[in-house]
Structures are given as C-alpha cells and as structure tokens.
C-alpha cells in the first residue's frame, strides 16, 4: 500500500518506476524509495526468519538500528532494507537464519 494523497505532503507524483525481483516475483518500485518501502507496498511483510526458532520478522525500527528487516540483496546477506535504496533489476530474497553468500 502506498499513500497516494497525503494531507500534508500532497499528491504522490513520483515518476521513474523501476522493477525489482523479490523471491522470484517482479514488483514495481520507485527511484528514491527504500527496499523495505517497496516490499511493504507490494503487500509482503515477512523479510526474514530467525536462525534459532525460525520466527518471521519484518520492519521494526525502520531506521537501520535493528536487524529485523535484513534480506539477501543481489547475493549479499544481511542488507538492512529499511535504509537501502532500490535499484532497477535488484534481486532480493527472504533471508533464512544468518543468510548465505551467493556467487552472483
């Protein structure tokens, strides 16, 4: 969900839509927004699963201080998606546990 008409900020007039891939699904994002914002706007709320109990986690602090929103981005695990901006063509995966480095 995106706020298309904010009472203070006004109408959302962003341009330059891009495409990112999240768990093999292509989603629309906009230049200048964070990975977490784009993912939340697509309706997804689970970003990772904890190592020990395999519990789902999503955005918690949204300022890059915790690790609840970490995901594997372009083969790099533990990327804090709440502060990382989207780039066209990014490949993002839900992280399980500590994540694994890939050979991409």
Protein backbone atom coordinates (compact mmCIF):
# COMPACT_ATOMS: atom_id res chain seq x y z
CA UNK A 1 0.00 0.00 0.00
CA UNK A 2 1.29 3.42 -0.92
CA UNK A 3 -0.17 6.70 0.27
CA UNK A 4 -1.19 8.36 -2.97
CA UNK A 5 -2.64 11.55 -1.49
CA UNK A 6 -1.17 12.71 1.82
CA UNK A 7 -2.93 15.54 3.72
CA UNK A 8 0.37 17.38 4.32
CA UNK A 9 2.75 16.14 1.62
CA UNK A 10 0.13 16.25 -1.13
CA UNK A 11 -0.32 14.02 -4.14
CA UNK A 12 2.25 11.33 -4.90
CA UNK A 13 3.72 12.47 -8.20
CA UNK A 14 6.77 10.25 -8.31
CA UNK A 15 7.99 9.17 -11.68
CA UNK A 16 10.63 6.72 -12.83
CA UNK A 17 9.09 3.40 -11.83
CA UNK A 18 11.57 0.54 -11.77
CA UNK A 19 11.29 -3.22 -11.30
CA UNK A 20 12.86 -5.31 -8.57
CA UNK A 21 12.54 -9.05 -8.04
CA UNK A 22 11.56 -10.30 -4.59
CA UNK A 23 11.53 -14.07 -4.10
CA UNK A 24 11.17 -14.60 -7.86
CA UNK A 25 8.27 -12.13 -8.11
CA UNK A 26 8.68 -8.88 -10.00
CA UNK A 27 7.35 -5.83 -8.16
CA UNK A 28 7.13 -2.16 -9.01
CA UNK A 29 9.23 0.30 -7.06
CA UNK A 30 10.16 3.96 -7.45
CA UNK A 31 13.60 5.54 -7.57
CA UNK A 32 14.42 7.08 -4.21
CA UNK A 33 12.43 4.70 -2.02
CA UNK A 34 13.87 2.04 0.23
CA UNK A 35 13.72 -1.66 -0.47
CA UNK A 36 11.51 -2.13 2.60
CA UNK A 37 9.04 0.53 1.40
CA UNK A 38 8.70 -1.10 -2.00
CA UNK A 39 8.25 -4.55 -0.48
CA UNK A 40 5.67 -3.37 2.05
CA UNK A 41 3.80 -1.57 -0.76
CA UNK A 42 3.61 -4.88 -2.62
CA UNK A 43 1.81 -6.47 0.34
CA UNK A 44 4.67 -8.57 1.70
CA UNK A 45 5.50 -8.18 5.40
CA UNK A 46 7.92 -11.03 6.20
CA UNK A 47 11.52 -10.18 5.35
CA UNK A 48 13.45 -12.88 7.19
CA UNK A 49 13.16 -15.86 9.52
CA UNK A 50 15.21 -16.10 12.71
CA UNK A 51 18.01 -18.63 12.99
CA UNK A 52 17.06 -20.45 16.18
CA UNK A 53 13.25 -20.55 16.21
CA UNK A 54 12.57 -19.75 12.54
CA UNK A 55 10.18 -16.96 13.52
CA UNK A 56 9.12 -14.42 10.85
CA UNK A 57 10.39 -10.84 11.10
CA UNK A 58 9.67 -7.65 9.18
CA UNK A 59 10.24 -3.93 9.62
CA UNK A 60 10.63 -2.96 13.28
CA UNK A 61 12.64 0.22 13.82
CA UNK A 62 12.82 1.40 10.17
CA UNK A 63 15.97 3.46 10.86
CA UNK A 64 18.68 0.83 10.37
CA UNK A 65 19.42 0.15 14.05
CA UNK A 66 17.95 -3.33 14.43
CA UNK A 67 18.27 -6.31 12.10
CA UNK A 68 14.65 -7.34 11.69
CA UNK A 69 14.40 -6.19 8.06
CA UNK A 70 17.58 -7.82 6.76
CA UNK A 71 17.33 -9.69 3.48
CA UNK A 72 19.70 -11.09 0.88
CA UNK A 73 20.14 -8.46 -1.85
CA UNK A 74 21.97 -9.31 -5.07
CA UNK A 75 23.61 -12.25 -3.30
CA UNK A 76 24.71 -10.24 -0.24
CA UNK A 77 23.09 -11.35 3.04
CA UNK A 78 22.16 -9.11 5.98
CA UNK A 79 21.28 -5.98 4.00
CA UNK A 80 19.15 -3.63 6.12
CA UNK A 81 16.35 -2.99 3.66
CA UNK A 82 14.83 -0.11 5.60
CA UNK A 83 17.79 2.14 4.71
CA UNK A 84 18.96 0.66 1.38
CA UNK A 85 17.53 2.36 -1.72
CA UNK A 86 16.13 0.34 -4.61
CA UNK A 87 17.97 -0.01 -7.90
CA UNK A 88 16.45 -1.27 -11.11
CA UNK A 89 16.87 -5.02 -11.50
CA UNK A 90 17.74 -5.83 -7.88
CA UNK A 91 17.24 -9.45 -6.86
CA UNK A 92 16.04 -9.71 -3.27
CA UNK A 93 15.40 -12.88 -1.28
CA UNK A 94 13.81 -13.59 2.08
CA UNK A 95 16.64 -14.44 4.43
CA UNK A 96 16.65 -17.62 6.49
CA UNK A 97 18.85 -17.51 9.59
CA UNK A 98 22.18 -15.79 9.10
CA UNK A 99 21.94 -15.89 5.32
CA UNK A 100 24.39 -17.28 2.79
CA UNK A 101 26.71 -15.55 0.34
CA UNK A 102 26.00 -16.48 -3.27
CA UNK A 103 28.24 -16.44 -6.31
CA UNK A 104 26.23 -13.83 -8.25
